[in-house]
């Protein structure tokens, strides 16, 4: 009896193991079959983006955590980034067209450079509206997206926008200009924003256009551009050091501003008045010399209208006290130049 029971138990165990083995094998086969089926269904563009004349493509993917709409959105954004990145790789590195205004020494003036940077920073980046997500695909834990750009259509739109901006610049330049340098600058200053917008559009045109080059400014536009920055360089600036601390750094500050191309005029007519007060705090720490210049600055136009008022600290550091002071003076001058450029761009109208 006991032998029969043992035999029956062994048979049951063997049968169970055989059944488990069969189930495991079937599951593995089903999984492999599903994977093979999925690989057959994956669109070709996931691994091989389309090639089509006049169009650009990009692909992107994202994790699929359950919300398909959100995963598709993130994959679409990644596809757009991938598309633009591919365009940037192939664009010529020599398409920029910079116009530099220089002093008699051949150096670009700091005032002009700061004005250019200030104006450009206020112009938003140009979006490529023609980039569209044309397909999406979901596979297990991932979402895929295909982005497409009609380069011909995008280039046509950008050219039209550039032409419109150029017409506006020419119209502004045609307005009569009279009075002081600052008054003349007020008339043409809006053109700088138009030039900056054109520059952004031209960058994008170089990106999407089949010629891969940034459209250059015409001779007429180059002349207008140079004329505007010539006016900046002709501005007469008077600096008033209103207290003892400011007077102590006056010579160094004026020297740096002059080197940067600013015309300092302490007598006669002026376009802009810069009033400076300063408190100097020399500090010696572990053999190093520091000079902290707490400055308060007011910028006025020739009608005594306040364009800007600010308080900032400039610092100079060196192993020598005189060099620390010189560096503080240079940093004060740089602060003045930056704020003056911002005041001219934002507030002289």
Protein backbone atom coordinates (compact mmCIF):
# COMPACT_ATOMS: atom_id res chain seq x y z
CA UNK A 1 0.00 0.00 0.00
CA UNK A 2 2.75 2.41 0.93
CA UNK A 3 4.62 1.57 -2.28
CA UNK A 4 1.52 2.30 -4.35
CA UNK A 5 1.03 5.65 -2.60
CA UNK A 6 4.66 6.65 -3.25
CA UNK A 7 4.32 5.67 -6.89
CA UNK A 8 1.16 7.74 -7.29
CA UNK A 9 2.79 10.77 -5.67
CA UNK A 10 5.76 10.54 -7.98
CA UNK A 11 3.50 10.36 -11.01
CA UNK A 12 1.61 13.47 -9.89
CA UNK A 13 4.84 15.44 -9.32
CA UNK A 14 6.26 14.45 -12.71
CA UNK A 15 3.00 15.36 -14.41
CA UNK A 16 2.95 18.75 -12.68
CA UNK A 17 6.52 19.51 -13.69
CA UNK A 18 5.75 18.53 -17.28
CA UNK A 19 2.69 20.77 -17.30
CA UNK A 20 4.69 23.73 -15.89
CA UNK A 21 7.42 23.16 -18.46
CA UNK A 22 4.88 23.10 -21.25
CA UNK A 23 3.20 26.27 -19.96
CA UNK A 24 6.56 28.06 -19.64
CA UNK A 25 7.54 27.04 -23.15
CA UNK A 26 4.19 28.21 -24.54
CA UNK A 27 4.53 31.59 -22.74
CA UNK A 28 8.04 32.11 -24.11
CA UNK A 29 6.83 31.24 -27.62
CA UNK A 30 3.87 33.63 -27.28
CA UNK A 31 6.16 36.44 -26.09
CA UNK A 32 8.62 35.85 -28.91
CA UNK A 33 5.76 35.73 -31.41
CA UNK A 34 4.36 39.02 -30.05
CA UNK A 35 7.79 40.67 -30.22
CA UNK A 36 8.28 39.48 -33.78
CA UNK A 37 4.83 40.74 -34.71
CA UNK A 38 5.53 44.13 -33.07
CA UNK A 39 8.84 44.47 -34.90
CA UNK A 40 7.04 43.82 -38.18
CA UNK A 41 4.50 46.55 -37.35
CA UNK A 42 7.07 49.24 -36.36
CA UNK A 43 6.95 51.99 -39.02
CA UNK A 44 10.10 52.29 -41.08
CA UNK A 45 10.46 56.00 -40.14
CA UNK A 46 11.21 55.09 -36.51
CA UNK A 47 14.68 53.91 -37.52
CA UNK A 48 14.97 55.41 -41.01
CA UNK A 49 13.49 58.92 -41.35
CA UNK A 50 12.12 59.71 -44.83
CA UNK A 51 14.27 61.33 -47.50
CA UNK A 52 12.38 63.83 -49.64
CA UNK A 53 13.59 66.79 -51.68
CA UNK A 54 12.61 70.13 -50.13
CA UNK A 55 11.69 68.59 -46.78
CA UNK A 56 13.48 67.85 -43.50
CA UNK A 57 12.55 65.20 -40.96
CA UNK A 58 13.29 64.39 -37.36
CA UNK A 59 12.26 61.61 -34.99
CA UNK A 60 11.82 61.56 -31.26
CA UNK A 61 10.73 59.19 -28.51
CA UNK A 62 9.53 59.33 -24.91
CA UNK A 63 8.65 56.94 -22.12
CA UNK A 64 5.04 55.75 -22.12
CA UNK A 65 3.84 55.88 -18.53
CA UNK A 66 0.15 55.42 -19.20
CA UNK A 67 -0.97 58.78 -20.61
CA UNK A 68 -0.60 58.33 -24.34
CA UNK A 69 -1.46 61.96 -25.17
CA UNK A 70 1.29 63.29 -22.90
CA UNK A 71 3.79 60.74 -24.21
CA UNK A 72 2.93 61.71 -27.79
CA UNK A 73 3.40 65.39 -26.96
CA UNK A 74 6.84 64.78 -25.44
CA UNK A 75 7.88 62.58 -28.34
CA UNK A 76 6.72 65.30 -30.74
CA UNK A 77 8.82 67.92 -28.97
CA UNK A 78 11.84 65.62 -29.11
CA UNK A 79 11.23 65.08 -32.84
CA UNK A 80 11.13 68.84 -33.47
CA UNK A 81 14.40 69.30 -31.58
CA UNK A 82 15.98 66.44 -33.52
CA UNK A 83 14.89 67.98 -36.84
CA UNK A 84 16.32 71.41 -36.04
CA UNK A 85 19.53 69.87 -34.66
CA UNK A 86 20.11 68.06 -37.94
CA UNK A 87 19.66 71.31 -39.84
CA UNK A 88 22.16 73.07 -37.57
CA UNK A 89 24.78 70.39 -38.21
CA UNK A 90 24.64 70.98 -41.96
CA UNK A 91 24.40 74.79 -41.98
CA UNK A 92 27.50 76.71 -43.05
CA UNK A 93 29.50 78.16 -40.18
CA UNK A 94 30.37 81.21 -42.26
CA UNK A 95 26.98 82.80 -42.93
CA UNK A 96 27.01 85.55 -40.32
CA UNK A 97 26.94 89.12 -41.52
CA UNK A 98 28.15 91.46 -38.82
CA UNK A 99 28.42 95.21 -39.13
CA UNK A 100 30.97 96.60 -36.69
CA UNK A 101 31.29 100.28 -35.90
CA UNK A 102 34.86 101.17 -34.98
CA UNK A 103 36.82 104.00 -33.48
CA UNK A 104 39.78 105.61 -35.16
CA UNK A 105 41.98 102.98 -33.50
CA UNK A 106 40.15 100.22 -35.36
CA UNK A 107 38.49 98.79 -32.25
CA UNK A 108 34.74 98.30 -32.12
CA UNK A 109 33.35 100.69 -29.55
CA UNK A 110 32.06 99.19 -26.34
CA UNK A 111 28.98 101.41 -26.47
CA UNK A 112 28.01 100.10 -29.91
CA UNK A 113 28.71 96.50 -28.96
CA UNK A 114 26.61 96.84 -25.81
CA UNK A 115 23.77 98.53 -27.71
CA UNK A 116 23.80 95.72 -30.28
CA UNK A 117 23.64 93.05 -27.58
CA UNK A 118 20.91 94.93 -25.70
CA UNK A 119 18.71 95.31 -28.78
CA UNK A 120 19.19 91.70 -29.86
CA UNK A 121 18.38 90.38 -26.37
CA UNK A 122 14.95 92.02 -26.57
CA UNK A 123 14.00 90.29 -29.83
CA UNK A 124 12.39 86.87 -29.30
CA UNK A 125 13.64 83.81 -31.15
CA UNK A 126 11.91 82.97 -34.42
CA UNK A 127 9.76 79.84 -34.39
CA UNK A 128 9.52 77.52 -37.38
CA UNK A 129 5.74 77.33 -37.70
CA UNK A 130 6.03 74.90 -40.60
CA UNK A 131 7.41 72.07 -38.44
CA UNK A 132 4.55 69.58 -38.02
CA UNK A 133 4.30 66.21 -36.28
CA UNK A 134 2.92 63.98 -39.03
CA UNK A 135 2.92 60.55 -37.37
CA UNK A 136 3.09 58.85 -33.98
CA UNK A 137 3.58 55.24 -32.91
CA UNK A 138 3.26 53.46 -29.56
CA UNK A 139 5.26 50.34 -28.71
CA UNK A 140 5.29 48.74 -25.27
CA UNK A 141 6.79 51.41 -23.00
CA UNK A 142 7.71 53.99 -25.64
CA UNK A 143 6.04 56.55 -27.86
CA UNK A 144 7.60 57.66 -31.15
CA UNK A 145 6.92 60.74 -33.28
CA UNK A 146 7.90 61.91 -36.75
CA UNK A 147 8.31 65.66 -37.42
CA UNK A 148 8.30 67.15 -40.91
CA UNK A 149 9.38 70.58 -42.21
CA UNK A 150 8.43 71.94 -45.61
CA UNK A 151 11.66 73.86 -46.21
CA UNK A 152 10.43 75.58 -49.35
CA UNK A 153 7.32 76.90 -47.64
CA UNK A 154 9.27 78.01 -44.55
CA UNK A 155 11.93 79.76 -46.65
CA UNK A 156 9.26 81.58 -48.66
CA UNK A 157 7.60 82.89 -45.49
CA UNK A 158 10.91 84.00 -43.98
CA UNK A 159 11.93 85.85 -47.16
CA UNK A 160 8.62 87.69 -47.22
CA UNK A 161 9.00 88.72 -43.56
CA UNK A 162 12.57 89.88 -44.16
CA UNK A 163 11.49 91.96 -47.15
CA UNK A 164 8.74 93.59 -45.09
CA UNK A 165 11.17 94.52 -42.32
CA UNK A 166 13.61 95.97 -44.83
CA UNK A 167 10.85 98.16 -46.28
CA UNK A 168 10.09 99.46 -42.77
CA UNK A 169 13.76 100.31 -42.19
CA UNK A 170 13.96 102.26 -45.46
CA UNK A 171 10.75 104.13 -44.56
CA UNK A 172 12.16 105.08 -41.15
CA UNK A 173 15.38 106.29 -42.70
CA UNK A 174 13.41 108.52 -45.07
CA UNK A 175 11.96 110.51 -42.16
CA UNK A 176 13.54 113.96 -41.82
CA UNK A 177 16.19 114.20 -39.10
CA UNK A 178 17.17 117.45 -37.47
CA UNK A 179 18.37 118.86 -34.18
CA UNK A 180 21.03 117.46 -31.87
CA UNK A 181 22.63 114.06 -32.27
CA UNK A 182 20.33 112.65 -29.59
CA UNK A 183 17.25 114.08 -31.32
CA UNK A 184 18.31 112.55 -34.63
CA UNK A 185 18.94 109.24 -32.90
CA UNK A 186 15.43 109.28 -31.47
CA UNK A 187 14.03 109.34 -35.02
CA UNK A 188 15.94 106.33 -36.36
CA UNK A 189 16.37 104.25 -33.19
CA UNK A 190 13.32 101.99 -33.88
CA UNK A 191 15.20 100.74 -36.95
CA UNK A 192 17.65 98.89 -34.68
CA UNK A 193 14.87 96.61 -33.47
CA UNK A 194 13.86 95.99 -37.08
CA UNK A 195 17.46 95.11 -37.96
CA UNK A 196 17.62 92.72 -34.99
CA UNK A 197 14.35 91.04 -36.03
CA UNK A 198 15.68 90.73 -39.58
CA UNK A 199 18.85 89.16 -38.21
CA UNK A 200 16.84 86.51 -36.35
CA UNK A 201 14.81 85.72 -39.46
CA UNK A 202 17.95 85.59 -41.60
CA UNK A 203 19.51 83.08 -39.19
CA UNK A 204 16.46 80.84 -39.60
CA UNK A 205 16.48 81.25 -43.38
CA UNK A 206 20.09 80.07 -43.44
CA UNK A 207 18.94 77.10 -41.40
CA UNK A 208 16.03 75.97 -43.60
CA UNK A 209 16.92 77.38 -47.03
CA UNK A 210 18.42 75.10 -49.64
CA UNK A 211 21.29 77.55 -50.26
CA UNK A 212 22.30 77.34 -46.57
CA UNK A 213 23.44 80.96 -46.50
CA UNK A 214 22.34 84.00 -44.53
CA UNK A 215 21.02 86.75 -46.83
CA UNK A 216 23.34 89.74 -46.71
CA UNK A 217 22.24 93.32 -46.17
CA UNK A 218 21.98 95.42 -49.31
CA UNK A 219 24.30 98.39 -49.77
CA UNK A 220 21.43 100.73 -48.87
CA UNK A 221 20.68 98.86 -45.64
CA UNK A 222 24.36 98.69 -44.72
CA UNK A 223 24.57 102.46 -45.07
CA UNK A 224 21.49 102.99 -42.89
CA UNK A 225 22.84 100.58 -40.27
CA UNK A 226 26.20 102.34 -40.16
CA UNK A 227 24.58 105.78 -40.01
CA UNK A 228 22.61 104.85 -36.90
CA UNK A 229 25.67 103.57 -35.05
CA UNK A 230 27.67 106.58 -36.20
CA UNK A 231 25.10 108.69 -34.32
CA UNK A 232 25.73 106.64 -31.17
CA UNK A 233 29.45 107.27 -31.54
CA UNK A 234 28.85 111.01 -31.99
CA UNK A 235 26.95 111.41 -28.73
CA UNK A 236 28.58 113.95 -26.43
CA UNK A 237 28.59 112.68 -22.85
CA UNK A 238 29.30 114.78 -19.79
CA UNK A 239 30.24 113.06 -16.53
CA UNK A 240 29.68 114.79 -13.21
CA UNK A 241 31.42 113.26 -10.19
CA UNK A 242 29.26 114.56 -7.37
CA UNK A 243 31.21 113.57 -4.25
CA UNK A 244 34.69 112.86 -2.99
CA UNK A 245 34.54 109.12 -3.64
CA UNK A 246 33.49 109.64 -7.24
CA UNK A 247 36.16 112.27 -7.79
CA UNK A 248 38.77 109.85 -6.51
CA UNK A 249 38.01 107.40 -9.33
CA UNK A 250 37.05 110.03 -11.95
CA UNK A 251 40.28 109.96 -13.95
CA UNK A 252 40.35 106.17 -14.26
CA UNK A 253 36.65 105.89 -15.13
CA UNK A 254 36.86 108.58 -17.85
CA UNK A 255 39.99 106.99 -19.30
CA UNK A 256 38.29 103.60 -19.63
CA UNK A 257 35.13 105.12 -21.15
CA UNK A 258 37.22 107.06 -23.66
CA UNK A 259 39.08 103.89 -24.63
CA UNK A 260 35.70 102.23 -25.17
CA UNK A 261 34.88 104.89 -27.75
CA UNK A 262 32.66 107.19 -25.70
CA UNK A 263 33.01 110.92 -26.39
CA UNK A 264 33.47 112.65 -23.04
CA UNK A 265 32.75 116.39 -23.21
CA UNK A 266 33.18 118.31 -19.96
CA UNK A 267 32.56 121.70 -21.58
CA UNK A 268 30.04 123.08 -24.03
CA UNK A 269 27.04 121.21 -25.38
CA UNK A 270 26.24 117.66 -24.33
CA UNK A 271 23.64 115.03 -25.27
CA UNK A 272 23.77 113.00 -22.08
CA UNK A 273 24.72 113.77 -18.50
CA UNK A 274 25.97 111.00 -16.22
CA UNK A 275 26.03 111.91 -12.54
CA UNK A 276 28.07 109.60 -10.33
CA UNK A 277 28.48 109.37 -6.58
CA UNK A 278 30.60 106.66 -5.00
CA UNK A 279 31.84 105.32 -1.69
CA UNK A 280 35.15 103.46 -1.79
CA UNK A 281 35.95 100.73 0.71
CA UNK A 282 39.52 99.39 0.53
CA UNK A 283 39.97 96.02 2.24
CA UNK A 284 43.14 94.00 2.81
CA UNK A 285 42.68 90.29 3.43
CA UNK A 286 45.48 87.71 3.62
CA UNK A 287 47.81 89.92 1.65
CA UNK A 288 45.27 90.62 -1.12
CA UNK A 289 43.88 94.10 -1.77
CA UNK A 290 40.22 94.70 -2.55
CA UNK A 291 38.45 97.95 -3.44
CA UNK A 292 34.66 98.02 -3.29
CA UNK A 293 33.04 100.96 -5.10
CA UNK A 294 29.40 101.43 -4.12
CA UNK A 295 28.14 103.67 -6.91
CA UNK A 296 24.92 105.56 -7.50
CA UNK A 297 24.40 106.76 -11.06
CA UNK A 298 21.82 108.99 -12.73
CA UNK A 299 21.65 109.39 -16.51
CA UNK A 300 19.83 112.43 -17.95
CA UNK A 301 19.20 113.68 -21.47
CA UNK A 302 19.90 117.20 -22.73
CA UNK A 303 16.51 118.33 -21.41
CA UNK A 304 17.41 117.19 -17.89
CA UNK A 305 14.97 114.28 -18.17
CA UNK A 306 16.08 111.27 -16.12
CA UNK A 307 16.60 108.24 -18.31
CA UNK A 308 17.98 105.91 -15.67
CA UNK A 309 18.97 105.74 -12.02
CA UNK A 310 20.71 102.77 -10.47
CA UNK A 311 22.94 101.74 -7.58
CA UNK A 312 25.50 98.97 -8.04
CA UNK A 313 28.72 97.78 -6.53
CA UNK A 314 31.93 97.34 -8.50
CA UNK A 315 34.93 95.48 -7.14
CA UNK A 316 38.63 95.36 -7.90
CA UNK A 317 41.08 92.83 -6.50
CA UNK A 318 44.85 92.48 -6.78
CA UNK A 319 48.00 91.83 -4.86
CA UNK A 320 48.69 95.56 -5.17
CA UNK A 321 46.50 98.34 -3.79
CA UNK A 322 46.83 100.60 -6.86
CA UNK A 323 45.91 97.77 -9.25
CA UNK A 324 42.88 96.86 -7.15
CA UNK A 325 41.72 100.49 -7.38
CA UNK A 326 42.33 100.55 -11.16
CA UNK A 327 40.25 97.40 -11.60
CA UNK A 328 37.44 98.90 -9.53
CA UNK A 329 37.53 102.01 -11.74
CA UNK A 330 37.34 99.85 -14.88
CA UNK A 331 34.38 97.90 -13.51
CA UNK A 332 32.56 101.11 -12.62
CA UNK A 333 33.12 102.30 -16.19
CA UNK A 334 31.76 99.03 -17.58
CA UNK A 335 28.65 99.37 -15.43
CA UNK A 336 28.16 102.91 -16.76
CA UNK A 337 28.53 101.77 -20.37
CA UNK A 338 26.07 98.90 -19.95
CA UNK A 339 23.45 101.02 -18.22
CA UNK A 340 23.90 103.85 -20.71
CA UNK A 341 23.31 101.47 -23.61
CA UNK A 342 20.17 100.09 -21.95
CA UNK A 343 18.91 103.60 -21.20
CA UNK A 344 19.46 104.69 -24.81
CA UNK A 345 17.66 101.67 -26.22
CA UNK A 346 14.73 101.71 -23.79
CA UNK A 347 14.12 105.28 -22.78
CA UNK A 348 15.27 107.98 -25.19
CA UNK A 349 12.05 107.94 -27.22
